[in-house]
Amino acid sequence: AASGCLLGQPVRYNGGHAQDDFVQRL
C-alpha cells in the first residue's frame, strides 16, 4: 500500500503528485 501521490496520482494539495522513482520501480 502506498500514498497515492507517490504512485503519480494528482492528489497533492496543489493538484500535482510526488511520484517517487523507487516506488515506481517496485
mmCIF file of all heavy atoms, coordinates in Angstrom:
data_MODEL
# 
_entry.id   MODEL 
# 
loop_
_atom_site.group_PDB 
_atom_site.id 
_atom_site.type_symbol 
_atom_site.label_atom_id 
_atom_site.label_alt_id 
_atom_site.label_comp_id 
_atom_site.label_asym_id 
_atom_site.label_entity_id 
_atom_site.label_seq_id 
_atom_site.pdbx_PDB_ins_code 
_atom_site.Cartn_x 
_atom_site.Cartn_y 
_atom_site.Cartn_z 
_atom_site.occupancy 
_atom_site.B_iso_or_equiv 
_atom_site.pdbx_formal_charge 
_atom_site.auth_seq_id 
_atom_site.auth_comp_id 
_atom_site.auth_asym_id 
_atom_site.auth_atom_id 
_atom_site.pdbx_PDB_model_num 
ATOM 1   N N   . ALA A 1 1  ? 0.864  -1.174 0.000   1.00 0.00 ? 1  ALA A N   1 
ATOM 2   C CA  . ALA A 1 1  ? 0.000  0.000  0.000   1.00 0.00 ? 1  ALA A CA  1 
ATOM 3   C C   . ALA A 1 1  ? 0.903  1.226  0.000   1.00 0.00 ? 1  ALA A C   1 
ATOM 4   O O   . ALA A 1 1  ? 1.991  1.199  0.590   1.00 0.00 ? 1  ALA A O   1 
ATOM 5   C CB  . ALA A 1 1  ? -0.921 0.001  1.216   1.00 0.00 ? 1  ALA A CB  1 
ATOM 6   N N   . ALA A 1 2  ? 0.479  2.290  -0.665  1.00 0.00 ? 2  ALA A N   1 
ATOM 7   C CA  . ALA A 1 2  ? 1.325  3.481  -0.756  1.00 0.00 ? 2  ALA A CA  1 
ATOM 8   C C   . ALA A 1 2  ? 0.480  4.732  -0.906  1.00 0.00 ? 2  ALA A C   1 
ATOM 9   O O   . ALA A 1 2  ? -0.636 4.694  -1.448  1.00 0.00 ? 2  ALA A O   1 
ATOM 10  C CB  . ALA A 1 2  ? 2.295  3.373  -1.938  1.00 0.00 ? 2  ALA A CB  1 
ATOM 11  N N   . SER A 1 3  ? 1.020  5.842  -0.419  1.00 0.00 ? 3  SER A N   1 
ATOM 12  C CA  . SER A 1 3  ? 0.376  7.133  -0.638  1.00 0.00 ? 3  SER A CA  1 
ATOM 13  C C   . SER A 1 3  ? 0.185  7.335  -2.134  1.00 0.00 ? 3  SER A C   1 
ATOM 14  O O   . SER A 1 3  ? 1.123  7.155  -2.925  1.00 0.00 ? 3  SER A O   1 
ATOM 15  C CB  . SER A 1 3  ? 1.234  8.258  -0.062  1.00 0.00 ? 3  SER A CB  1 
ATOM 16  O OG  . SER A 1 3  ? 1.342  8.147  1.347   1.00 0.00 ? 3  SER A OG  1 
ATOM 17  N N   . GLY A 1 4  ? -1.037 7.709  -2.532  1.00 0.00 ? 4  GLY A N   1 
ATOM 18  C CA  . GLY A 1 4  ? -1.345 7.832  -3.955  1.00 0.00 ? 4  GLY A CA  1 
ATOM 19  C C   . GLY A 1 4  ? -0.436 8.782  -4.688  1.00 0.00 ? 4  GLY A C   1 
ATOM 20  O O   . GLY A 1 4  ? -0.081 8.549  -5.851  1.00 0.00 ? 4  GLY A O   1 
ATOM 21  N N   . CYS A 1 5  ? -0.015 9.861  -4.034  1.00 0.00 ? 5  CYS A N   1 
ATOM 22  C CA  . CYS A 1 5  ? 0.840  10.848 -4.705  1.00 0.00 ? 5  CYS A CA  1 
ATOM 23  C C   . CYS A 1 5  ? 2.172  10.245 -5.101  1.00 0.00 ? 5  CYS A C   1 
ATOM 24  O O   . CYS A 1 5  ? 2.764  10.632 -6.121  1.00 0.00 ? 5  CYS A O   1 
ATOM 25  C CB  . CYS A 1 5  ? 1.039  12.070 -3.818  1.00 0.00 ? 5  CYS A CB  1 
ATOM 26  S SG  . CYS A 1 5  ? 1.800  11.718 -2.214  1.00 0.00 ? 5  CYS A SG  1 
ATOM 27  N N   . LEU A 1 6  ? 2.675  9.268  -4.321  1.00 0.00 ? 6  LEU A N   1 
ATOM 28  C CA  . LEU A 1 6  ? 3.947  8.620  -4.643  1.00 0.00 ? 6  LEU A CA  1 
ATOM 29  C C   . LEU A 1 6  ? 3.833  7.745  -5.869  1.00 0.00 ? 6  LEU A C   1 
ATOM 30  O O   . LEU A 1 6  ? 4.824  7.457  -6.539  1.00 0.00 ? 6  LEU A O   1 
ATOM 31  C CB  . LEU A 1 6  ? 4.444  7.794  -3.466  1.00 0.00 ? 6  LEU A CB  1 
ATOM 32  C CG  . LEU A 1 6  ? 4.705  8.543  -2.158  1.00 0.00 ? 6  LEU A CG  1 
ATOM 33  C CD1 . LEU A 1 6  ? 5.136  7.574  -1.067  1.00 0.00 ? 6  LEU A CD1 1 
ATOM 34  C CD2 . LEU A 1 6  ? 5.776  9.617  -2.362  1.00 0.00 ? 6  LEU A CD2 1 
ATOM 35  N N   . LEU A 1 7  ? 2.600  7.315  -6.170  1.00 0.00 ? 7  LEU A N   1 
ATOM 36  C CA  . LEU A 1 7  ? 2.345  6.479  -7.342  1.00 0.00 ? 7  LEU A CA  1 
ATOM 37  C C   . LEU A 1 7  ? 1.995  7.313  -8.570  1.00 0.00 ? 7  LEU A C   1 
ATOM 38  O O   . LEU A 1 7  ? 1.673  6.760  -9.622  1.00 0.00 ? 7  LEU A O   1 
ATOM 39  C CB  . LEU A 1 7  ? 1.208  5.505  -7.039  1.00 0.00 ? 7  LEU A CB  1 
ATOM 40  C CG  . LEU A 1 7  ? 1.514  4.442  -5.977  1.00 0.00 ? 7  LEU A CG  1 
ATOM 41  C CD1 . LEU A 1 7  ? 0.243  3.748  -5.525  1.00 0.00 ? 7  LEU A CD1 1 
ATOM 42  C CD2 . LEU A 1 7  ? 2.521  3.436  -6.505  1.00 0.00 ? 7  LEU A CD2 1 
ATOM 43  N N   . GLY A 1 8  ? 2.059  8.639  -8.425  1.00 0.00 ? 8  GLY A N   1 
ATOM 44  C CA  . GLY A 1 8  ? 1.794  9.510  -9.560  1.00 0.00 ? 8  GLY A CA  1 
ATOM 45  C C   . GLY A 1 8  ? 0.370  10.038 -9.635  1.00 0.00 ? 8  GLY A C   1 
ATOM 46  O O   . GLY A 1 8  ? 0.012  10.719 -10.609 1.00 0.00 ? 8  GLY A O   1 
ATOM 47  N N   . GLN A 1 9  ? -0.451 9.735  -8.644  1.00 0.00 ? 9  GLN A N   1 
ATOM 48  C CA  . GLN A 1 9  ? -1.823 10.242 -8.662  1.00 0.00 ? 9  GLN A CA  1 
ATOM 49  C C   . GLN A 1 9  ? -1.839 11.735 -8.307  1.00 0.00 ? 9  GLN A C   1 
ATOM 50  O O   . GLN A 1 9  ? -1.161 12.156 -7.361  1.00 0.00 ? 9  GLN A O   1 
ATOM 51  C CB  . GLN A 1 9  ? -2.699 9.456  -7.689  1.00 0.00 ? 9  GLN A CB  1 
ATOM 52  C CG  . GLN A 1 9  ? -2.889 7.995  -8.055  1.00 0.00 ? 9  GLN A CG  1 
ATOM 53  C CD  . GLN A 1 9  ? -3.832 7.277  -7.112  1.00 0.00 ? 9  GLN A CD  1 
ATOM 54  O OE1 . GLN A 1 9  ? -4.208 7.789  -6.063  1.00 0.00 ? 9  GLN A OE1 1 
ATOM 55  N NE2 . GLN A 1 9  ? -4.217 6.061  -7.481  1.00 0.00 ? 9  GLN A NE2 1 
ATOM 56  N N   . PRO A 1 10 ? -2.629 12.555 -9.009  1.00 0.00 ? 10 PRO A N   1 
ATOM 57  C CA  . PRO A 1 10 ? -2.649 14.007 -8.774  1.00 0.00 ? 10 PRO A CA  1 
ATOM 58  C C   . PRO A 1 10 ? -3.529 14.379 -7.584  1.00 0.00 ? 10 PRO A C   1 
ATOM 59  O O   . PRO A 1 10 ? -4.574 15.027 -7.727  1.00 0.00 ? 10 PRO A O   1 
ATOM 60  C CB  . PRO A 1 10 ? -3.211 14.557 -10.085 1.00 0.00 ? 10 PRO A CB  1 
ATOM 61  C CG  . PRO A 1 10 ? -4.107 13.472 -10.579 1.00 0.00 ? 10 PRO A CG  1 
ATOM 62  C CD  . PRO A 1 10 ? -3.455 12.175 -10.170 1.00 0.00 ? 10 PRO A CD  1 
ATOM 63  N N   . VAL A 1 11 ? -3.108 13.979 -6.391  1.00 0.00 ? 11 VAL A N   1 
ATOM 64  C CA  . VAL A 1 11 ? -3.927 14.200 -5.198  1.00 0.00 ? 11 VAL A CA  1 
ATOM 65  C C   . VAL A 1 11 ? -3.256 15.139 -4.197  1.00 0.00 ? 11 VAL A C   1 
ATOM 66  O O   . VAL A 1 11 ? -3.778 15.339 -3.102  1.00 0.00 ? 11 VAL A O   1 
ATOM 67  C CB  . VAL A 1 11 ? -4.239 12.848 -4.504  1.00 0.00 ? 11 VAL A CB  1 
ATOM 68  C CG1 . VAL A 1 11 ? -5.159 12.006 -5.364  1.00 0.00 ? 11 VAL A CG1 1 
ATOM 69  C CG2 . VAL A 1 11 ? -2.955 12.085 -4.185  1.00 0.00 ? 11 VAL A CG2 1 
ATOM 70  N N   . ARG A 1 12 ? -2.150 15.753 -4.570  1.00 0.00 ? 12 ARG A N   1 
ATOM 71  C CA  . ARG A 1 12 ? -1.475 16.695 -3.683  1.00 0.00 ? 12 ARG A CA  1 
ATOM 72  C C   . ARG A 1 12 ? -2.307 17.971 -3.537  1.00 0.00 ? 12 ARG A C   1 
ATOM 73  O O   . ARG A 1 12 ? -3.192 18.257 -4.342  1.00 0.00 ? 12 ARG A O   1 
ATOM 74  C CB  . ARG A 1 12 ? -0.089 17.036 -4.217  1.00 0.00 ? 12 ARG A CB  1 
ATOM 75  C CG  . ARG A 1 12 ? 0.871  15.851 -4.226  1.00 0.00 ? 12 ARG A CG  1 
ATOM 76  C CD  . ARG A 1 12 ? 1.570  15.705 -2.904  1.00 0.00 ? 12 ARG A CD  1 
ATOM 77  N NE  . ARG A 1 12 ? 2.605  16.730 -2.749  1.00 0.00 ? 12 ARG A NE  1 
ATOM 78  C CZ  . ARG A 1 12 ? 3.193  17.021 -1.596  1.00 0.00 ? 12 ARG A CZ  1 
ATOM 79  N NH1 . ARG A 1 12 ? 2.819  16.409 -0.498  1.00 0.00 ? 12 ARG A NH1 1 
ATOM 80  N NH2 . ARG A 1 12 ? 4.131  17.941 -1.531  1.00 0.00 ? 12 ARG A NH2 1 
ATOM 81  N N   . TYR A 1 13 ? -1.965 18.766 -2.532  1.00 0.00 ? 13 TYR A N   1 
ATOM 82  C CA  . TYR A 1 13 ? -2.718 19.996 -2.255  1.00 0.00 ? 13 TYR A CA  1 
ATOM 83  C C   . TYR A 1 13 ? -2.765 20.937 -3.454  1.00 0.00 ? 13 TYR A C   1 
ATOM 84  O O   . TYR A 1 13 ? -3.723 21.677 -3.657  1.00 0.00 ? 13 TYR A O   1 
ATOM 85  C CB  . TYR A 1 13 ? -2.105 20.712 -1.047  1.00 0.00 ? 13 TYR A CB  1 
ATOM 86  C CG  . TYR A 1 13 ? -0.736 21.312 -1.340  1.00 0.00 ? 13 TYR A CG  1 
ATOM 87  C CD1 . TYR A 1 13 ? -0.598 22.630 -1.748  1.00 0.00 ? 13 TYR A CD1 1 
ATOM 88  C CD2 . TYR A 1 13 ? 0.415  20.534 -1.224  1.00 0.00 ? 13 TYR A CD2 1 
ATOM 89  C CE1 . TYR A 1 13 ? 0.647  23.169 -2.020  1.00 0.00 ? 13 TYR A CE1 1 
ATOM 90  C CE2 . TYR A 1 13 ? 1.652  21.054 -1.505  1.00 0.00 ? 13 TYR A CE2 1 
ATOM 91  C CZ  . TYR A 1 13 ? 1.771  22.378 -1.900  1.00 0.00 ? 13 TYR A CZ  1 
ATOM 92  O OH  . TYR A 1 13 ? 3.006  22.907 -2.192  1.00 0.00 ? 13 TYR A OH  1 
ATOM 93  N N   . ASN A 1 14 ? -1.718 20.891 -4.301  1.00 0.00 ? 14 ASN A N   1 
ATOM 94  C CA  . ASN A 1 14 ? -1.644 21.785 -5.459  1.00 0.00 ? 14 ASN A CA  1 
ATOM 95  C C   . ASN A 1 14 ? -2.145 21.130 -6.740  1.00 0.00 ? 14 ASN A C   1 
ATOM 96  O O   . ASN A 1 14 ? -1.973 21.671 -7.835  1.00 0.00 ? 14 ASN A O   1 
ATOM 97  C CB  . ASN A 1 14 ? -0.205 22.261 -5.654  1.00 0.00 ? 14 ASN A CB  1 
ATOM 98  C CG  . ASN A 1 14 ? 0.782  21.105 -5.847  1.00 0.00 ? 14 ASN A CG  1 
ATOM 99  O OD1 . ASN A 1 14 ? 0.381  19.939 -5.868  1.00 0.00 ? 14 ASN A OD1 1 
ATOM 100 N ND2 . ASN A 1 14 ? 2.060  21.423 -5.973  1.00 0.00 ? 14 ASN A ND2 1 
ATOM 101 N N   . GLY A 1 15 ? -2.750 19.963 -6.616  1.00 0.00 ? 15 GLY A N   1 
ATOM 102 C CA  . GLY A 1 15 ? -3.250 19.257 -7.790  1.00 0.00 ? 15 GLY A CA  1 
ATOM 103 C C   . GLY A 1 15 ? -2.199 18.429 -8.502  1.00 0.00 ? 15 GLY A C   1 
ATOM 104 O O   . GLY A 1 15 ? -2.483 17.830 -9.540  1.00 0.00 ? 15 GLY A O   1 
ATOM 105 N N   . GLY A 1 16 ? -0.999 18.385 -7.945  1.00 0.00 ? 16 GLY A N   1 
ATOM 106 C CA  . GLY A 1 16 ? 0.083  17.610 -8.560  1.00 0.00 ? 16 GLY A CA  1 
ATOM 107 C C   . GLY A 1 16 ? 0.298  16.293 -7.849  1.00 0.00 ? 16 GLY A C   1 
ATOM 108 O O   . GLY A 1 16 ? -0.567 15.795 -7.116  1.00 0.00 ? 16 GLY A O   1 
ATOM 109 N N   . HIS A 1 17 ? 1.462  15.709 -8.069  1.00 0.00 ? 17 HIS A N   1 
ATOM 110 C CA  . HIS A 1 17 ? 1.820  14.446 -7.428  1.00 0.00 ? 17 HIS A CA  1 
ATOM 111 C C   . HIS A 1 17 ? 3.243  14.534 -6.907  1.00 0.00 ? 17 HIS A C   1 
ATOM 112 O O   . HIS A 1 17 ? 3.917  15.563 -7.064  1.00 0.00 ? 17 HIS A O   1 
ATOM 113 C CB  . HIS A 1 17 ? 1.678  13.273 -8.407  1.00 0.00 ? 17 HIS A CB  1 
ATOM 114 C CG  . HIS A 1 17 ? 2.544  13.398 -9.642  1.00 0.00 ? 17 HIS A CG  1 
ATOM 115 N ND1 . HIS A 1 17 ? 3.902  13.190 -9.603  1.00 0.00 ? 17 HIS A ND1 1 
ATOM 116 C CD2 . HIS A 1 17 ? 2.247  13.721 -10.921 1.00 0.00 ? 17 HIS A CD2 1 
ATOM 117 C CE1 . HIS A 1 17 ? 4.417  13.363 -10.808 1.00 0.00 ? 17 HIS A CE1 1 
ATOM 118 N NE2 . HIS A 1 17 ? 3.430  13.694 -11.632 1.00 0.00 ? 17 HIS A NE2 1 
ATOM 119 N N   . ALA A 1 18 ? 3.703  13.481 -6.268  1.00 0.00 ? 18 ALA A N   1 
ATOM 120 C CA  . ALA A 1 18 ? 5.076  13.411 -5.749  1.00 0.00 ? 18 ALA A CA  1 
ATOM 121 C C   . ALA A 1 18 ? 5.667  12.068 -6.147  1.00 0.00 ? 18 ALA A C   1 
ATOM 122 O O   . ALA A 1 18 ? 6.255  11.367 -5.329  1.00 0.00 ? 18 ALA A O   1 
ATOM 123 C CB  . ALA A 1 18 ? 5.085  13.596 -4.240  1.00 0.00 ? 18 ALA A CB  1 
ATOM 124 N N   . GLN A 1 19 ? 5.510  11.719 -7.411  1.00 0.00 ? 19 GLN A N   1 
ATOM 125 C CA  . GLN A 1 19 ? 5.930  10.401 -7.895  1.00 0.00 ? 19 GLN A CA  1 
ATOM 126 C C   . GLN A 1 19 ? 7.378  10.114 -7.513  1.00 0.00 ? 19 GLN A C   1 
ATOM 127 O O   . GLN A 1 19 ? 8.262  10.942 -7.720  1.00 0.00 ? 19 GLN A O   1 
ATOM 128 C CB  . GLN A 1 19 ? 5.765  10.332 -9.410  1.00 0.00 ? 19 GLN A CB  1 
ATOM 129 C CG  . GLN A 1 19 ? 6.096  8.979  -10.012 1.00 0.00 ? 19 GLN A CG  1 
ATOM 130 C CD  . GLN A 1 19 ? 5.681  8.883  -11.466 1.00 0.00 ? 19 GLN A CD  1 
ATOM 131 O OE1 . GLN A 1 19 ? 4.512  8.986  -11.782 1.00 0.00 ? 19 GLN A OE1 1 
ATOM 132 N NE2 . GLN A 1 19 ? 6.647  8.712  -12.346 1.00 0.00 ? 19 GLN A NE2 1 
ATOM 133 N N   . ASP A 1 20 ? 7.586  8.939  -6.960  1.00 0.00 ? 20 ASP A N   1 
ATOM 134 C CA  . ASP A 1 20 ? 8.903  8.549  -6.466  1.00 0.00 ? 20 ASP A CA  1 
ATOM 135 C C   . ASP A 1 20 ? 9.487  7.454  -7.348  1.00 0.00 ? 20 ASP A C   1 
ATOM 136 O O   . ASP A 1 20 ? 8.807  6.470  -7.666  1.00 0.00 ? 20 ASP A O   1 
ATOM 137 C CB  . ASP A 1 20 ? 8.788  8.051  -5.024  1.00 0.00 ? 20 ASP A CB  1 
ATOM 138 C CG  . ASP A 1 20 ? 10.125 7.656  -4.438  1.00 0.00 ? 20 ASP A CG  1 
ATOM 139 O OD1 . ASP A 1 20 ? 10.858 8.551  -3.999  1.00 0.00 ? 20 ASP A OD1 1 
ATOM 140 O OD2 . ASP A 1 20 ? 10.436 6.446  -4.433  1.00 0.00 ? 20 ASP A OD2 1 
ATOM 141 N N   . ASP A 1 21 ? 10.752 7.602  -7.717  1.00 0.00 ? 21 ASP A N   1 
ATOM 142 C CA  . ASP A 1 21 ? 11.382 6.666  -8.657  1.00 0.00 ? 21 ASP A CA  1 
ATOM 143 C C   . ASP A 1 21 ? 11.446 5.247  -8.109  1.00 0.00 ? 21 ASP A C   1 
ATOM 144 O O   . ASP A 1 21 ? 11.174 4.278  -8.833  1.00 0.00 ? 21 ASP A O   1 
ATOM 145 C CB  . ASP A 1 21 ? 12.794 7.143  -9.018  1.00 0.00 ? 21 ASP A CB  1 
ATOM 146 C CG  . ASP A 1 21 ? 12.784 8.376  -9.908  1.00 0.00 ? 21 ASP A CG  1 
ATOM 147 O OD1 . ASP A 1 21 ? 11.724 8.683  -10.491 1.00 0.00 ? 21 ASP A OD1 1 
ATOM 148 O OD2 . ASP A 1 21 ? 13.840 9.038  -10.022 1.00 0.00 ? 21 ASP A OD2 1 
ATOM 149 N N   . PHE A 1 22 ? 11.807 5.107  -6.828  1.00 0.00 ? 22 PHE A N   1 
ATOM 150 C CA  . PHE A 1 22 ? 11.928 3.754  -6.278  1.00 0.00 ? 22 PHE A CA  1 
ATOM 151 C C   . PHE A 1 22 ? 10.563 3.090  -6.166  1.00 0.00 ? 22 PHE A C   1 
ATOM 152 O O   . PHE A 1 22 ? 10.411 1.899  -6.466  1.00 0.00 ? 22 PHE A O   1 
ATOM 153 C CB  . PHE A 1 22 ? 12.609 3.783  -4.909  1.00 0.00 ? 22 PHE A CB  1 
ATOM 154 C CG  . PHE A 1 22 ? 12.816 2.420  -4.313  1.00 0.00 ? 22 PHE A CG  1 
ATOM 155 C CD1 . PHE A 1 22 ? 13.654 1.494  -4.919  1.00 0.00 ? 22 PHE A CD1 1 
ATOM 156 C CD2 . PHE A 1 22 ? 12.148 2.046  -3.152  1.00 0.00 ? 22 PHE A CD2 1 
ATOM 157 C CE1 . PHE A 1 22 ? 13.834 0.221  -4.378  1.00 0.00 ? 22 PHE A CE1 1 
ATOM 158 C CE2 . PHE A 1 22 ? 12.322 0.779  -2.603  1.00 0.00 ? 22 PHE A CE2 1 
ATOM 159 C CZ  . PHE A 1 22 ? 13.166 -0.134 -3.222  1.00 0.00 ? 22 PHE A CZ  1 
ATOM 160 N N   . VAL A 1 23 ? 9.557  3.856  -5.752  1.00 0.00 ? 23 VAL A N   1 
ATOM 161 C CA  . VAL A 1 23 ? 8.202  3.311  -5.687  1.00 0.00 ? 23 VAL A CA  1 
ATOM 162 C C   . VAL A 1 23 ? 7.741  2.875  -7.072  1.00 0.00 ? 23 VAL A C   1 
ATOM 163 O O   . VAL A 1 23 ? 7.150  1.801  -7.244  1.00 0.00 ? 23 VAL A O   1 
ATOM 164 C CB  . VAL A 1 23 ? 7.232  4.332  -5.081  1.00 0.00 ? 23 VAL A CB  1 
ATOM 165 C CG1 . VAL A 1 23 ? 5.797  3.814  -5.128  1.00 0.00 ? 23 VAL A CG1 1 
ATOM 166 C CG2 . VAL A 1 23 ? 7.619  4.648  -3.637  1.00 0.00 ? 23 VAL A CG2 1 
ATOM 167 N N   . GLN A 1 24 ? 8.032  3.685  -8.080  1.00 0.00 ? 24 GLN A N   1 
ATOM 168 C CA  . GLN A 1 24 ? 7.671  3.311  -9.450  1.00 0.00 ? 24 GLN A CA  1 
ATOM 169 C C   . GLN A 1 24 ? 8.396  2.044  -9.880  1.00 0.00 ? 24 GLN A C   1 
ATOM 170 O O   . GLN A 1 24 ? 7.833  1.181  -10.556 1.00 0.00 ? 24 GLN A O   1 
ATOM 171 C CB  . GLN A 1 24 ? 7.994  4.460  -10.408 1.00 0.00 ? 24 GLN A CB  1 
ATOM 172 C CG  . GLN A 1 24 ? 7.096  5.675  -10.246 1.00 0.00 ? 24 GLN A CG  1 
ATOM 173 C CD  . GLN A 1 24 ? 5.632  5.348  -10.465 1.00 0.00 ? 24 GLN A CD  1 
ATOM 174 O OE1 . GLN A 1 24 ? 5.265  4.716  -11.450 1.00 0.00 ? 24 GLN A OE1 1 
ATOM 175 N NE2 . GLN A 1 24 ? 4.790  5.781  -9.549  1.00 0.00 ? 24 GLN A NE2 1 
ATOM 176 N N   . ARG A 1 25 ? 9.641  1.920  -9.479  1.00 0.00 ? 25 ARG A N   1 
ATOM 177 C CA  . ARG A 1 25 ? 10.417 0.727  -9.829  1.00 0.00 ? 25 ARG A CA  1 
ATOM 178 C C   . ARG A 1 25 ? 9.802  -0.526 -9.219  1.00 0.00 ? 25 ARG A C   1 
ATOM 179 O O   . ARG A 1 25 ? 9.817  -1.606 -9.825  1.00 0.00 ? 25 ARG A O   1 
ATOM 180 C CB  . ARG A 1 25 ? 11.849 0.907  -9.337  1.00 0.00 ? 25 ARG A CB  1 
ATOM 181 C CG  . ARG A 1 25 ? 12.821 -0.174 -9.772  1.00 0.00 ? 25 ARG A CG  1 
ATOM 182 C CD  . ARG A 1 25 ? 14.196 0.111  -9.224  1.00 0.00 ? 25 ARG A CD  1 
ATOM 183 N NE  . ARG A 1 25 ? 15.145 -0.928 -9.554  1.00 0.00 ? 25 ARG A NE  1 
ATOM 184 C CZ  . ARG A 1 25 ? 16.350 -1.045 -9.004  1.00 0.00 ? 25 ARG A CZ  1 
ATOM 185 N NH1 . ARG A 1 25 ? 16.734 -0.162 -8.091  1.00 0.00 ? 25 ARG A NH1 1 
ATOM 186 N NH2 . ARG A 1 25 ? 17.164 -2.015 -9.348  1.00 0.00 ? 25 ARG A NH2 1 
ATOM 187 N N   . LEU A 1 26 ? 9.230  -0.375 -8.028  1.00 0.00 ? 26 LEU A N   1 
ATOM 188 C CA  . LEU A 1 26 ? 8.641  -1.525 -7.342  1.00 0.00 ? 26 LEU A CA  1 
ATOM 189 C C   . LEU A 1 26 ? 7.375  -2.023 -8.022  1.00 0.00 ? 26 LEU A C   1 
ATOM 190 O O   . LEU A 1 26 ? 6.905  -3.122 -7.721  1.00 0.00 ? 26 LEU A O   1 
ATOM 191 C CB  . LEU A 1 26 ? 8.338  -1.174 -5.882  1.00 0.00 ? 26 LEU A CB  1 
ATOM 192 C CG  . LEU A 1 26 ? 9.548  -1.021 -4.955  1.00 0.00 ? 26 LEU A CG  1 
ATOM 193 C CD1 . LEU A 1 26 ? 9.094  -0.677 -3.546  1.00 0.00 ? 26 LEU A CD1 1 
ATOM 194 C CD2 . LEU A 1 26 ? 10.402 -2.282 -4.950  1.00 0.00 ? 26 LEU A CD2 1 
# 
